[in-house]
């Protein structure tokens, strides 16, 4: 985030995956900026000192240890900073929220 310098009005990050969701659409999830800056949130590109294997989400995987696993997007294609996710597809904050009707922010 230090490199891209998101605008002050950005409140959420949108993680878009190379994979598809259950509806056959691009898989995506959003997390709040507070979760993105939490010390236990990382973008993993390595595992045990080696490049992240495809089975574990290569080329890049979100690990947000304070959220349930379904928010930890694998195979990240892009990351976008947004003010709101209301205008993304159904406006619920992610593929699982839209297809399985989970809450947007599910803490552990």
PDB file of N, CA and C in Angstrom:
ATOM      1  N   UNK A   1       0.827  -1.189   0.000  1.00  0.00           N
ATOM      2  CA  UNK A   1       0.000   0.000   0.000  1.00  0.00           C
ATOM      3  C   UNK A   1       0.872   1.254   0.000  1.00  0.00           C
ATOM      4  N   UNK A   2       2.060   1.110   0.587  1.00  0.00           N
ATOM      5  CA  UNK A   2       2.974   2.249   0.566  1.00  0.00           C
ATOM      6  C   UNK A   2       3.376   2.613  -0.863  1.00  0.00           C
ATOM      7  N   UNK A   3       3.479   1.611  -1.733  1.00  0.00           N
ATOM      8  CA  UNK A   3       3.883   1.854  -3.117  1.00  0.00           C
ATOM      9  C   UNK A   3       2.772   2.474  -3.968  1.00  0.00           C
ATOM     10  N   UNK A   4       1.553   1.997  -3.800  1.00  0.00           N
ATOM     11  CA  UNK A   4       0.466   2.463  -4.668  1.00  0.00           C
ATOM     12  C   UNK A   4      -0.269   3.679  -4.121  1.00  0.00           C
ATOM     13  N   UNK A   5      -0.143   3.948  -2.833  1.00  0.00           N
ATOM     14  CA  UNK A   5      -0.744   5.107  -2.188  1.00  0.00           C
ATOM     15  C   UNK A   5      -2.229   5.279  -2.538  1.00  0.00           C
ATOM     16  N   UNK A   6      -3.083   4.417  -1.961  1.00  0.00           N
ATOM     17  CA  UNK A   6      -4.511   4.531  -2.248  1.00  0.00           C
ATOM     18  C   UNK A   6      -5.059   5.882  -1.809  1.00  0.00           C
ATOM     19  N   UNK A   7      -6.106   6.315  -2.486  1.00  0.00           N
ATOM     20  CA  UNK A   7      -6.747   7.578  -2.131  1.00  0.00           C
ATOM     21  C   UNK A   7      -7.319   7.489  -0.719  1.00  0.00           C
ATOM     22  N   UNK A   8      -7.372   8.605  -0.004  1.00  0.00           N
ATOM     23  CA  UNK A   8      -7.899   8.588   1.372  1.00  0.00           C
ATOM     24  C   UNK A   8      -9.320   8.041   1.474  1.00  0.00           C
ATOM     25  N   UNK A   9     -10.123   8.176   0.428  1.00  0.00           N
ATOM     26  CA  UNK A   9     -11.514   7.698   0.492  1.00  0.00           C
ATOM     27  C   UNK A   9     -11.634   6.171   0.314  1.00  0.00           C
ATOM     28  N   UNK A  10     -10.534   5.492  -0.031  1.00  0.00           N
ATOM     29  CA  UNK A  10     -10.565   4.034  -0.195  1.00  0.00           C
ATOM     30  C   UNK A  10     -10.800   3.375   1.159  1.00  0.00           C
ATOM     31  N   UNK A  11     -11.834   2.520   1.225  1.00  0.00           N
ATOM     32  CA  UNK A  11     -12.178   1.834   2.467  1.00  0.00           C
ATOM     33  C   UNK A  11     -12.060   0.315   2.360  1.00  0.00           C
ATOM     34  N   UNK A  12     -12.061  -0.196   1.125  1.00  0.00           N
ATOM     35  CA  UNK A  12     -12.043  -1.638   0.909  1.00  0.00           C
ATOM     36  C   UNK A  12     -11.033  -2.003  -0.160  1.00  0.00           C
ATOM     37  N   UNK A  13     -10.565  -3.238  -0.098  1.00  0.00           N
ATOM     38  CA  UNK A  13      -9.739  -3.801  -1.159  1.00  0.00           C
ATOM     39  C   UNK A  13     -10.540  -4.906  -1.828  1.00  0.00           C
ATOM     40  N   UNK A  14     -10.517  -4.928  -3.152  1.00  0.00           N
ATOM     41  CA  UNK A  14     -11.185  -5.960  -3.939  1.00  0.00           C
ATOM     42  C   UNK A  14     -10.101  -6.873  -4.488  1.00  0.00           C
ATOM     43  N   UNK A  15     -10.221  -8.145  -4.184  1.00  0.00           N
ATOM     44  CA  UNK A  15      -9.279  -9.150  -4.675  1.00  0.00           C
ATOM     45  C   UNK A  15      -9.998  -9.966  -5.735  1.00  0.00           C
ATOM     46  N   UNK A  16      -9.525  -9.894  -6.973  1.00  0.00           N
ATOM     47  CA  UNK A  16     -10.115 -10.646  -8.082  1.00  0.00           C
ATOM     48  C   UNK A  16      -9.199 -11.829  -8.378  1.00  0.00           C
ATOM     49  N   UNK A  17      -9.820 -12.980  -8.579  1.00  0.00           N
ATOM     50  CA  UNK A  17      -9.080 -14.219  -8.766  1.00  0.00           C
ATOM     51  C   UNK A  17      -9.125 -14.667 -10.225  1.00  0.00           C
ATOM     52  N   UNK A  18      -8.143 -15.481 -10.591  1.00  0.00           N
ATOM     53  CA  UNK A  18      -8.175 -16.125 -11.899  1.00  0.00           C
ATOM     54  C   UNK A  18      -9.241 -17.220 -11.949  1.00  0.00           C
ATOM     55  N   UNK A  19      -9.744 -17.650 -10.783  1.00  0.00           N
ATOM     56  CA  UNK A  19     -10.731 -18.729 -10.750  1.00  0.00           C
ATOM     57  C   UNK A  19     -12.156 -18.182 -10.914  1.00  0.00           C
ATOM     58  N   UNK A  20     -13.077 -19.084 -11.108  1.00  0.00           N
ATOM     59  CA  UNK A  20     -14.497 -18.746 -11.259  1.00  0.00           C
ATOM     60  C   UNK A  20     -15.243 -19.163  -9.996  1.00  0.00           C
ATOM     61  N   UNK A  21     -16.370 -18.488  -9.737  1.00  0.00           N
ATOM     62  CA  UNK A  21     -17.198 -18.870  -8.592  1.00  0.00           C
ATOM     63  C   UNK A  21     -18.236 -19.909  -9.011  1.00  0.00           C
ATOM     64  N   UNK A  22     -19.118 -20.265  -8.101  1.00  0.00           N
ATOM     65  CA  UNK A  22     -20.135 -21.289  -8.390  1.00  0.00           C
ATOM     66  C   UNK A  22     -21.101 -20.878  -9.487  1.00  0.00           C
ATOM     67  N   UNK A  23     -21.219 -19.600  -9.749  1.00  0.00           N
ATOM     68  CA  UNK A  23     -22.099 -19.103 -10.808  1.00  0.00           C
ATOM     69  C   UNK A  23     -21.366 -18.984 -12.145  1.00  0.00           C
ATOM     70  N   UNK A  24     -20.077 -19.379 -12.164  1.00  0.00           N
ATOM     71  CA  UNK A  24     -19.284 -19.296 -13.389  1.00  0.00           C
ATOM     72  C   UNK A  24     -18.738 -17.909 -13.671  1.00  0.00           C
ATOM     73  N   UNK A  25     -18.838 -17.015 -12.689  1.00  0.00           N
ATOM     74  CA  UNK A  25     -18.317 -15.647 -12.829  1.00  0.00           C
ATOM     75  C   UNK A  25     -16.958 -15.546 -12.142  1.00  0.00           C
ATOM     76  N   UNK A  26     -16.258 -14.485 -12.441  1.00  0.00           N
ATOM     77  CA  UNK A  26     -14.967 -14.236 -11.801  1.00  0.00           C
ATOM     78  C   UNK A  26     -15.126 -14.247 -10.277  1.00  0.00           C
ATOM     79  N   UNK A  27     -14.290 -15.011  -9.576  1.00  0.00           N
ATOM     80  CA  UNK A  27     -14.325 -15.051  -8.117  1.00  0.00           C
ATOM     81  C   UNK A  27     -13.689 -13.781  -7.588  1.00  0.00           C
ATOM     82  N   UNK A  28     -14.351 -13.153  -6.610  1.00  0.00           N
ATOM     83  CA  UNK A  28     -13.783 -11.972  -5.965  1.00  0.00           C
ATOM     84  C   UNK A  28     -14.227 -11.912  -4.514  1.00  0.00           C
ATOM     85  N   UNK A  29     -13.443 -11.231  -3.709  1.00  0.00           N
ATOM     86  CA  UNK A  29     -13.793 -10.949  -2.319  1.00  0.00           C
ATOM     87  C   UNK A  29     -13.307  -9.553  -1.988  1.00  0.00           C
ATOM     88  N   UNK A  30     -13.915  -8.957  -0.972  1.00  0.00           N
ATOM     89  CA  UNK A  30     -13.483  -7.649  -0.494  1.00  0.00           C
ATOM     90  C   UNK A  30     -13.151  -7.748   0.991  1.00  0.00           C
ATOM     91  N   UNK A  31     -12.198  -6.951   1.410  1.00  0.00           N
ATOM     92  CA  UNK A  31     -11.918  -6.815   2.837  1.00  0.00           C
ATOM     93  C   UNK A  31     -11.781  -5.332   3.149  1.00  0.00           C
ATOM     94  N   UNK A  32     -12.107  -4.980   4.372  1.00  0.00           N
ATOM     95  CA  UNK A  32     -12.007  -3.596   4.823  1.00  0.00           C
ATOM     96  C   UNK A  32     -10.526  -3.226   4.989  1.00  0.00           C
ATOM     97  N   UNK A  33     -10.239  -1.965   4.839  1.00  0.00           N
ATOM     98  CA  UNK A  33      -8.861  -1.466   4.961  1.00  0.00           C
ATOM     99  C   UNK A  33      -8.260  -1.824   6.323  1.00  0.00           C
ATOM    100  N   UNK A  34      -9.076  -1.841   7.380  1.00  0.00           N
ATOM    101  CA  UNK A  34      -8.568  -2.205   8.707  1.00  0.00           C
ATOM    102  C   UNK A  34      -8.022  -3.635   8.731  1.00  0.00           C
ATOM    103  N   UNK A  35      -8.686  -4.540   8.014  1.00  0.00           N
ATOM    104  CA  UNK A  35      -8.208  -5.930   7.931  1.00  0.00           C
ATOM    105  C   UNK A  35      -6.954  -5.997   7.067  1.00  0.00           C
ATOM    106  N   UNK A  36      -6.943  -5.238   5.978  1.00  0.00           N
ATOM    107  CA  UNK A  36      -5.787  -5.245   5.073  1.00  0.00           C
ATOM    108  C   UNK A  36      -4.515  -4.773   5.770  1.00  0.00           C
ATOM    109  N   UNK A  37      -4.643  -3.861   6.720  1.00  0.00           N
ATOM    110  CA  UNK A  37      -3.467  -3.320   7.410  1.00  0.00           C
ATOM    111  C   UNK A  37      -3.181  -4.036   8.730  1.00  0.00           C
ATOM    112  N   UNK A  38      -3.965  -5.052   9.052  1.00  0.00           N
ATOM    113  CA  UNK A  38      -3.748  -5.814  10.284  1.00  0.00           C
ATOM    114  C   UNK A  38      -2.422  -6.575  10.170  1.00  0.00           C
ATOM    115  N   UNK A  39      -1.658  -6.659  11.251  1.00  0.00           N
ATOM    116  CA  UNK A  39      -0.356  -7.349  11.192  1.00  0.00           C
ATOM    117  C   UNK A  39      -0.422  -8.817  10.775  1.00  0.00           C
ATOM    118  N   UNK A  40      -1.575  -9.466  10.940  1.00  0.00           N
ATOM    119  CA  UNK A  40      -1.694 -10.871  10.564  1.00  0.00           C
ATOM    120  C   UNK A  40      -2.247 -11.062   9.156  1.00  0.00           C
ATOM    121  N   UNK A  41      -2.350 -10.002   8.381  1.00  0.00           N
ATOM    122  CA  UNK A  41      -2.794 -10.100   6.990  1.00  0.00           C
ATOM    123  C   UNK A  41      -1.581  -9.983   6.081  1.00  0.00           C
ATOM    124  N   UNK A  42      -1.439 -10.956   5.182  1.00  0.00           N
ATOM    125  CA  UNK A  42      -0.301 -10.936   4.254  1.00  0.00           C
ATOM    126  C   UNK A  42      -0.760 -11.334   2.853  1.00  0.00           C
ATOM    127  N   UNK A  43       0.043 -10.973   1.887  1.00  0.00           N
ATOM    128  CA  UNK A  43      -0.075 -11.504   0.533  1.00  0.00           C
ATOM    129  C   UNK A  43       1.066 -12.496   0.383  1.00  0.00           C
ATOM    130  N   UNK A  44       0.723 -13.751   0.226  1.00  0.00           N
ATOM    131  CA  UNK A  44       1.732 -14.816   0.162  1.00  0.00           C
ATOM    132  C   UNK A  44       2.093 -15.129  -1.276  1.00  0.00           C
ATOM    133  N   UNK A  45       3.371 -15.078  -1.579  1.00  0.00           N
ATOM    134  CA  UNK A  45       3.890 -15.495  -2.879  1.00  0.00           C
ATOM    135  C   UNK A  45       4.931 -16.598  -2.719  1.00  0.00           C
ATOM    136  N   UNK A  46       5.238 -16.911  -1.443  1.00  0.00           N
ATOM    137  CA  UNK A  46       6.163 -17.999  -1.129  1.00  0.00           C
ATOM    138  C   UNK A  46       5.571 -18.844  -0.008  1.00  0.00           C
ATOM    139  N   UNK A  47       6.074 -20.067   0.084  1.00  0.00           N
ATOM    140  CA  UNK A  47       5.702 -20.960   1.184  1.00  0.00           C
ATOM    141  C   UNK A  47       6.933 -21.774   1.534  1.00  0.00           C
ATOM    142  N   UNK A  48       7.372 -21.690   2.766  1.00  0.00           N
ATOM    143  CA  UNK A  48       8.566 -22.400   3.232  1.00  0.00           C
ATOM    144  C   UNK A  48       9.794 -22.064   2.388  1.00  0.00           C
ATOM    145  N   UNK A  49       9.925 -20.798   2.002  1.00  0.00           N
ATOM    146  CA  UNK A  49      11.096 -20.345   1.256  1.00  0.00           C
ATOM    147  C   UNK A  49      11.091 -20.672  -0.224  1.00  0.00           C
ATOM    148  N   UNK A  50      10.020 -21.265  -0.720  1.00  0.00           N
ATOM    149  CA  UNK A  50       9.894 -21.633  -2.138  1.00  0.00           C
ATOM    150  C   UNK A  50       8.718 -20.869  -2.747  1.00  0.00           C
ATOM    151  N   UNK A  51       8.704 -20.709  -4.074  1.00  0.00           N
ATOM    152  CA  UNK A  51       7.537 -20.069  -4.692  1.00  0.00           C
ATOM    153  C   UNK A  51       6.249 -20.794  -4.283  1.00  0.00           C
ATOM    154  N   UNK A  52       5.210 -20.039  -4.065  1.00  0.00           N
ATOM    155  CA  UNK A  52       3.919 -20.603  -3.663  1.00  0.00           C
ATOM    156  C   UNK A  52       3.432 -21.594  -4.716  1.00  0.00           C
ATOM    157  N   UNK A  53       3.096 -22.820  -4.317  1.00  0.00           N
ATOM    158  CA  UNK A  53       2.596 -23.800  -5.288  1.00  0.00           C
ATOM    159  C   UNK A  53       1.202 -23.411  -5.793  1.00  0.00           C
ATOM    160  N   UNK A  54       0.894 -23.819  -6.991  1.00  0.00           N
ATOM    161  CA  UNK A  54      -0.405 -23.543  -7.591  1.00  0.00           C
ATOM    162  C   UNK A  54      -1.543 -24.059  -6.703  1.00  0.00           C
ATOM    163  N   UNK A  55      -1.383 -25.225  -6.119  1.00  0.00           N
ATOM    164  CA  UNK A  55      -2.428 -25.803  -5.267  1.00  0.00           C
ATOM    165  C   UNK A  55      -2.715 -24.955  -4.032  1.00  0.00           C
ATOM    166  N   UNK A  56      -1.762 -24.140  -3.644  1.00  0.00           N
ATOM    167  CA  UNK A  56      -1.934 -23.272  -2.477  1.00  0.00           C
ATOM    168  C   UNK A  56      -2.254 -21.837  -2.855  1.00  0.00           C
ATOM    169  N   UNK A  57      -2.483 -21.568  -4.156  1.00  0.00           N
ATOM    170  CA  UNK A  57      -2.957 -20.250  -4.556  1.00  0.00           C
ATOM    171  C   UNK A  57      -2.031 -19.407  -5.388  1.00  0.00           C
ATOM    172  N   UNK A  58      -0.952 -19.963  -5.931  1.00  0.00           N
ATOM    173  CA  UNK A  58      -0.018 -19.187  -6.761  1.00  0.00           C
ATOM    174  C   UNK A  58      -0.754 -18.551  -7.938  1.00  0.00           C
ATOM    175  N   UNK A  59      -0.365 -17.382  -8.348  1.00  0.00           N
ATOM    176  CA  UNK A  59       0.892 -16.710  -8.022  1.00  0.00           C
ATOM    177  C   UNK A  59       0.856 -15.908  -6.715  1.00  0.00           C
ATOM    178  N   UNK A  60      -0.339 -15.587  -6.219  1.00  0.00           N
ATOM    179  CA  UNK A  60      -0.457 -14.747  -5.039  1.00  0.00           C
ATOM    180  C   UNK A  60      -1.721 -15.126  -4.296  1.00  0.00           C
ATOM    181  N   UNK A  61      -1.612 -15.210  -2.970  1.00  0.00           N
ATOM    182  CA  UNK A  61      -2.764 -15.583  -2.156  1.00  0.00           C
ATOM    183  C   UNK A  61      -2.892 -14.634  -0.977  1.00  0.00           C
ATOM    184  N   UNK A  62      -4.117 -14.245  -0.690  1.00  0.00           N
ATOM    185  CA  UNK A  62      -4.411 -13.434   0.480  1.00  0.00           C
ATOM    186  C   UNK A  62      -4.515 -14.332   1.699  1.00  0.00           C
ATOM    187  N   UNK A  63      -3.838 -13.983   2.776  1.00  0.00           N
ATOM    188  CA  UNK A  63      -3.982 -14.649   4.067  1.00  0.00           C
ATOM    189  C   UNK A  63      -4.412 -13.578   5.063  1.00  0.00           C
ATOM    190  N   UNK A  64      -5.645 -13.670   5.533  1.00  0.00           N
ATOM    191  CA  UNK A  64      -6.189 -12.734   6.529  1.00  0.00           C
ATOM    192  C   UNK A  64      -6.579 -13.570   7.738  1.00  0.00           C
ATOM    193  N   UNK A  65      -5.651 -13.757   8.639  1.00  0.00           N
ATOM    194  CA  UNK A  65      -5.823 -14.705   9.741  1.00  0.00           C
ATOM    195  C   UNK A  65      -6.922 -14.326  10.724  1.00  0.00           C
ATOM    196  N   UNK A  66      -7.424 -13.098  10.678  1.00  0.00           N
ATOM    197  CA  UNK A  66      -8.504 -12.697  11.582  1.00  0.00           C
ATOM    198  C   UNK A  66      -9.883 -12.911  10.948  1.00  0.00           C
ATOM    199  N   UNK A  67      -9.924 -13.462   9.734  1.00  0.00           N
ATOM    200  CA  UNK A  67     -11.187 -13.764   9.058  1.00  0.00           C
ATOM    201  C   UNK A  67     -11.285 -15.265   8.791  1.00  0.00           C
ATOM    202  N   UNK A  68     -12.492 -15.729   8.525  1.00  0.00           N
ATOM    203  CA  UNK A  68     -12.661 -17.128   8.139  1.00  0.00           C
ATOM    204  C   UNK A  68     -12.005 -17.385   6.796  1.00  0.00           C
ATOM    205  N   UNK A  69     -11.653 -18.625   6.531  1.00  0.00           N
ATOM    206  CA  UNK A  69     -10.877 -19.002   5.359  1.00  0.00           C
ATOM    207  C   UNK A  69     -11.447 -18.616   4.019  1.00  0.00           C
ATOM    208  N   UNK A  70     -12.785 -18.524   3.883  1.00  0.00           N
ATOM    209  CA  UNK A  70     -13.335 -18.225   2.566  1.00  0.00           C
ATOM    210  C   UNK A  70     -12.968 -16.837   2.065  1.00  0.00           C
ATOM    211  N   UNK A  71     -12.497 -15.958   2.938  1.00  0.00           N
ATOM    212  CA  UNK A  71     -12.072 -14.624   2.519  1.00  0.00           C
ATOM    213  C   UNK A  71     -10.621 -14.619   2.010  1.00  0.00           C
ATOM    214  N   UNK A  72      -9.908 -15.722   2.169  1.00  0.00           N
ATOM    215  CA  UNK A  72      -8.495 -15.783   1.800  1.00  0.00           C
ATOM    216  C   UNK A  72      -8.362 -16.202   0.339  1.00  0.00           C
ATOM    217  N   UNK A  73      -8.446 -15.252  -0.537  1.00  0.00           N
ATOM    218  CA  UNK A  73      -8.510 -15.476  -1.983  1.00  0.00           C
ATOM    219  C   UNK A  73      -7.224 -16.106  -2.508  1.00  0.00           C
ATOM    220  N   UNK A  74      -7.404 -17.149  -3.325  1.00  0.00           N
ATOM    221  CA  UNK A  74      -6.281 -17.796  -4.018  1.00  0.00           C
ATOM    222  C   UNK A  74      -6.219 -17.275  -5.451  1.00  0.00           C
ATOM    223  N   UNK A  75      -5.082 -17.463  -6.077  1.00  0.00           N
ATOM    224  CA  UNK A  75      -4.875 -17.169  -7.503  1.00  0.00           C
ATOM    225  C   UNK A  75      -5.234 -15.723  -7.842  1.00  0.00           C
ATOM    226  N   UNK A  76      -4.734 -14.781  -7.042  1.00  0.00           N
ATOM    227  CA  UNK A  76      -5.087 -13.364  -7.214  1.00  0.00           C
ATOM    228  C   UNK A  76      -4.589 -12.849  -8.550  1.00  0.00           C
ATOM    229  N   UNK A  77      -5.518 -12.265  -9.305  1.00  0.00           N
ATOM    230  CA  UNK A  77      -5.213 -11.663 -10.601  1.00  0.00           C
ATOM    231  C   UNK A  77      -5.037 -10.152 -10.474  1.00  0.00           C
ATOM    232  N   UNK A  78      -5.806  -9.519  -9.561  1.00  0.00           N
ATOM    233  CA  UNK A  78      -5.697  -8.076  -9.384  1.00  0.00           C
ATOM    234  C   UNK A  78      -6.215  -7.667  -8.010  1.00  0.00           C
ATOM    235  N   UNK A  79      -5.763  -6.497  -7.582  1.00  0.00           N
ATOM    236  CA  UNK A  79      -6.206  -5.898  -6.321  1.00  0.00           C
ATOM    237  C   UNK A  79      -6.601  -4.468  -6.630  1.00  0.00           C
ATOM    238  N   UNK A  80      -7.750  -4.065  -6.119  1.00  0.00           N
ATOM    239  CA  UNK A  80      -8.263  -2.713  -6.381  1.00  0.00           C
ATOM    240  C   UNK A  80      -8.704  -2.084  -5.061  1.00  0.00           C
ATOM    241  N   UNK A  81      -8.414  -0.814  -4.892  1.00  0.00           N
ATOM    242  CA  UNK A  81      -8.876  -0.058  -3.729  1.00  0.00           C
ATOM    243  C   UNK A  81     -10.148   0.671  -4.118  1.00  0.00           C
ATOM    244  N   UNK A  82     -11.202   0.530  -3.304  1.00  0.00           N
ATOM    245  CA  UNK A  82     -12.486   1.157  -3.620  1.00  0.00           C
ATOM    246  C   UNK A  82     -13.067   1.820  -2.375  1.00  0.00           C
ATOM    247  N   UNK A  83     -13.951   2.769  -2.610  1.00  0.00           N
ATOM    248  CA  UNK A  83     -14.648   3.435  -1.518  1.00  0.00           C
ATOM    249  C   UNK A  83     -15.802   2.568  -1.005  1.00  0.00           C
ATOM    250  N   UNK A  84     -16.446   1.853  -1.920  1.00  0.00           N
ATOM    251  CA  UNK A  84     -17.570   0.993  -1.584  1.00  0.00           C
ATOM    252  C   UNK A  84     -17.593  -0.203  -2.532  1.00  0.00           C
ATOM    253  N   UNK A  85     -18.181  -1.291  -2.084  1.00  0.00           N
ATOM    254  CA  UNK A  85     -18.350  -2.438  -2.966  1.00  0.00           C
ATOM    255  C   UNK A  85     -19.796  -2.557  -3.443  1.00  0.00           C
ATOM    256  N   UNK A  86     -20.612  -1.574  -3.131  1.00  0.00           N
ATOM    257  CA  UNK A  86     -22.041  -1.606  -3.476  1.00  0.00           C
ATOM    258  C   UNK A  86     -22.289  -1.728  -4.984  1.00  0.00           C
ATOM    259  N   UNK A  87     -21.363  -1.239  -5.792  1.00  0.00           N
ATOM    260  CA  UNK A  87     -21.545  -1.286  -7.248  1.00  0.00           C
ATOM    261  C   UNK A  87     -20.850  -2.474  -7.913  1.00  0.00           C
ATOM    262  N   UNK A  88     -20.309  -3.387  -7.108  1.00  0.00           N
ATOM    263  CA  UNK A  88     -19.671  -4.588  -7.652  1.00  0.00           C
ATOM    264  C   UNK A  88     -20.696  -5.715  -7.698  1.00  0.00           C
ATOM    265  N   UNK A  89     -21.048  -6.146  -8.871  1.00  0.00           N
ATOM    266  CA  UNK A  89     -22.047  -7.217  -9.068  1.00  0.00           C
ATOM    267  C   UNK A  89     -23.288  -6.983  -8.208  1.00  0.00           C
ATOM    268  N   UNK A  90     -23.593  -7.886  -7.259  1.00  0.00           N
ATOM    269  CA  UNK A  90     -24.810  -7.744  -6.443  1.00  0.00           C
ATOM    270  C   UNK A  90     -24.629  -6.813  -5.250  1.00  0.00           C
ATOM    271  N   UNK A  91     -23.420  -6.280  -5.071  1.00  0.00           N
ATOM    272  CA  UNK A  91     -23.173  -5.323  -4.002  1.00  0.00           C
ATOM    273  C   UNK A  91     -23.058  -5.909  -2.606  1.00  0.00           C
ATOM    274  N   UNK A  92     -22.782  -7.217  -2.510  1.00  0.00           N
ATOM    275  CA  UNK A  92     -22.717  -7.870  -1.210  1.00  0.00           C
ATOM    276  C   UNK A  92     -21.298  -8.058  -0.690  1.00  0.00           C
ATOM    277  N   UNK A  93     -20.301  -7.755  -1.501  1.00  0.00           N
ATOM    278  CA  UNK A  93     -18.924  -7.789  -1.026  1.00  0.00           C
ATOM    279  C   UNK A  93     -18.097  -8.981  -1.414  1.00  0.00           C
ATOM    280  N   UNK A  94     -18.655  -9.889  -2.211  1.00  0.00           N
ATOM    281  CA  UNK A  94     -17.843 -11.013  -2.648  1.00  0.00           C
ATOM    282  C   UNK A  94     -18.662 -12.138  -3.245  1.00  0.00           C
ATOM    283  N   UNK A  95     -17.950 -13.053  -3.888  1.00  0.00           N
ATOM    284  CA  UNK A  95     -18.593 -14.189  -4.535  1.00  0.00           C
ATOM    285  C   UNK A  95     -19.334 -15.074  -3.543  1.00  0.00           C
ATOM    286  N   UNK A  96     -18.722 -15.367  -2.416  1.00  0.00           N
ATOM    287  CA  UNK A  96     -19.375 -16.248  -1.439  1.00  0.00           C
ATOM    288  C   UNK A  96     -20.577 -15.553  -0.802  1.00  0.00           C
ATOM    289  N   UNK A  97     -20.482 -14.258  -0.590  1.00  0.00           N
ATOM    290  CA  UNK A  97     -21.620 -13.526  -0.036  1.00  0.00           C
ATOM    291  C   UNK A  97     -22.799 -13.570  -1.007  1.00  0.00           C
ATOM    292  N   UNK A  98     -22.498 -13.497  -2.293  1.00  0.00           N
ATOM    293  CA  UNK A  98     -23.553 -13.511  -3.310  1.00  0.00           C
ATOM    294  C   UNK A  98     -24.114 -14.905  -3.553  1.00  0.00           C
ATOM    295  N   UNK A  99     -23.261 -15.921  -3.537  1.00  0.00           N
ATOM    296  CA  UNK A  99     -23.696 -17.271  -3.884  1.00  0.00           C
ATOM    297  C   UNK A  99     -24.082 -18.136  -2.690  1.00  0.00           C
ATOM    298  N   UNK A 100     -23.477 -17.899  -1.554  1.00  0.00           N
ATOM    299  CA  UNK A 100     -23.754 -18.710  -0.365  1.00  0.00           C
ATOM    300  C   UNK A 100     -24.418 -17.896   0.738  1.00  0.00           C
ATOM    301  N   UNK A 101     -24.467 -16.581   0.552  1.00  0.00           N
ATOM    302  CA  UNK A 101     -25.110 -15.644   1.484  1.00  0.00           C
ATOM    303  C   UNK A 101     -24.437 -15.594   2.851  1.00  0.00           C
ATOM    304  N   UNK A 102     -23.094 -15.646   2.841  1.00  0.00           N
ATOM    305  CA  UNK A 102     -22.335 -15.403   4.059  1.00  0.00           C
ATOM    306  C   UNK A 102     -22.327 -13.911   4.330  1.00  0.00           C
ATOM    307  N   UNK A 103     -22.025 -13.524   5.567  1.00  0.00           N
ATOM    308  CA  UNK A 103     -21.849 -12.109   5.884  1.00  0.00           C
ATOM    309  C   UNK A 103     -20.554 -11.618   5.247  1.00  0.00           C
ATOM    310  N   UNK A 104     -20.470 -10.310   4.970  1.00  0.00           N
ATOM    311  CA  UNK A 104     -19.292  -9.738   4.322  1.00  0.00           C
ATOM    312  C   UNK A 104     -18.069  -9.809   5.222  1.00  0.00           C
ATOM    313  N   UNK A 105     -18.198  -9.433   6.469  1.00  0.00           N
ATOM    314  CA  UNK A 105     -17.060  -9.449   7.400  1.00  0.00           C
ATOM    315  C   UNK A 105     -17.320 -10.515   8.453  1.00  0.00           C
ATOM    316  N   UNK A 106     -16.655 -11.638   8.325  1.00  0.00           N
ATOM    317  CA  UNK A 106     -16.860 -12.747   9.248  1.00  0.00           C
ATOM    318  C   UNK A 106     -15.584 -12.945  10.058  1.00  0.00           C
ATOM    319  N   UNK A 107     -15.548 -12.415  11.282  1.00  0.00           N
ATOM    320  CA  UNK A 107     -14.337 -12.607  12.095  1.00  0.00           C
ATOM    321  C   UNK A 107     -14.296 -14.002  12.672  1.00  0.00           C
ATOM    322  N   UNK A 108     -13.139 -14.373  13.132  1.00  0.00           N
ATOM    323  CA  UNK A 108     -12.971 -15.681  13.795  1.00  0.00           C
ATOM    324  C   UNK A 108     -13.507 -15.570  15.206  1.00  0.00           C
TER     325      UNK A 108
END
